[in-house]
C-alpha cells in the first residue's frame, strides 16, 4: 500500500511539474487587452484535455485564459 501511495504521489508531482513547464513555454501576452493566455498547439489538442483540470483551477486562481490554436490576426486599422 505504501508503494502505491508513493507511486501516485510521484505521478502527481510529475503531472504538476509538466503543467508548470508547459505553462511557462506556451503563455503569450495578447496585444489588444494585455492579458496572458496559454495557447495549446492545434496538433497537440489532447494536451488540453489532459491538463484541463489544472487549467480550470489556474483560470480561477490567476484569471489566465486557455485555448487551442493561434489567435486570428486582428483586422488592419484603416
Protein backbone atom coordinates (compact mmCIF):
# COMPACT_ATOMS: atom_id res chain seq x y z
CA UNK A 1 0.00 0.00 0.00
CA UNK A 2 2.86 2.36 0.83
CA UNK A 3 4.49 1.76 -2.57
CA UNK A 4 1.23 2.53 -4.35
CA UNK A 5 0.85 5.78 -2.44
CA UNK A 6 4.43 6.80 -3.30
CA UNK A 7 3.87 5.93 -6.98
CA UNK A 8 0.67 8.00 -7.09
CA UNK A 9 2.43 10.90 -5.39
CA UNK A 10 5.35 10.76 -7.84
CA UNK A 11 2.93 10.73 -10.80
CA UNK A 12 1.06 13.71 -9.35
CA UNK A 13 4.30 15.67 -8.90
CA UNK A 14 5.32 14.88 -12.49
CA UNK A 15 1.87 15.99 -13.72
CA UNK A 16 2.04 19.32 -11.86
CA UNK A 17 5.66 19.95 -12.87
CA UNK A 18 4.98 19.25 -16.55
CA UNK A 19 2.00 21.63 -16.44
CA UNK A 20 4.14 24.39 -14.95
CA UNK A 21 6.77 23.84 -17.65
CA UNK A 22 4.20 23.90 -20.48
CA UNK A 23 2.52 26.96 -18.97
CA UNK A 24 5.80 28.84 -18.96
CA UNK A 25 6.56 27.85 -22.57
CA UNK A 26 3.13 28.44 -24.11
CA UNK A 27 1.99 31.61 -22.36
CA UNK A 28 1.54 34.62 -24.62
CA UNK A 29 0.50 38.17 -23.85
CA UNK A 30 -2.23 39.48 -26.13
CA UNK A 31 -1.61 42.84 -27.71
CA UNK A 32 -5.21 44.03 -27.65
CA UNK A 33 -6.09 43.59 -23.97
CA UNK A 34 -2.68 42.79 -22.43
CA UNK A 35 -3.86 39.51 -20.89
CA UNK A 36 -1.81 36.39 -20.54
CA UNK A 37 -3.14 33.34 -22.35
CA UNK A 38 -1.88 29.80 -22.58
CA UNK A 39 -2.29 28.62 -26.15
CA UNK A 40 -2.16 24.89 -26.75
CA UNK A 41 -0.91 23.87 -30.22
CA UNK A 42 -3.59 22.60 -32.59
CA UNK A 43 -1.57 19.47 -33.38
CA UNK A 44 -1.49 18.52 -29.70
CA UNK A 45 -5.08 19.24 -28.69
CA UNK A 46 -5.05 16.16 -26.48
CA UNK A 47 -2.80 18.11 -24.10
CA UNK A 48 -5.67 20.49 -23.45
CA UNK A 49 -7.82 17.55 -22.41
CA UNK A 50 -5.04 16.11 -20.24
CA UNK A 51 -4.39 19.38 -18.43
CA UNK A 52 -7.94 20.75 -18.36
CA UNK A 53 -8.41 20.16 -14.59
CA UNK A 54 -5.30 22.22 -13.87
CA UNK A 55 -6.30 24.82 -16.47
CA UNK A 56 -9.65 25.32 -14.77
CA UNK A 57 -8.02 25.68 -11.37
CA UNK A 58 -5.36 28.02 -12.78
CA UNK A 59 -8.03 30.12 -14.50
CA UNK A 60 -9.90 30.55 -11.21
CA UNK A 61 -6.72 31.48 -9.34
CA UNK A 62 -4.89 33.68 -11.85
CA UNK A 63 -7.53 34.81 -14.36
CA UNK A 64 -5.46 33.45 -17.25
CA UNK A 65 -7.39 32.07 -20.21
CA UNK A 66 -6.66 28.92 -22.20
CA UNK A 67 -7.48 27.76 -25.71
CA UNK A 68 -6.31 25.58 -28.58
CA UNK A 69 -4.68 27.09 -31.64
CA UNK A 70 -3.45 30.54 -32.55
CA UNK A 71 -5.37 33.77 -32.30
CA UNK A 72 -6.86 35.10 -35.51
CA UNK A 73 -4.89 38.06 -36.79
CA UNK A 74 -6.51 41.37 -35.88
CA UNK A 75 -8.10 43.31 -38.71
CA UNK A 76 -5.87 46.09 -40.03
CA UNK A 77 -6.75 49.55 -38.80
CA UNK A 78 -7.74 51.93 -41.58
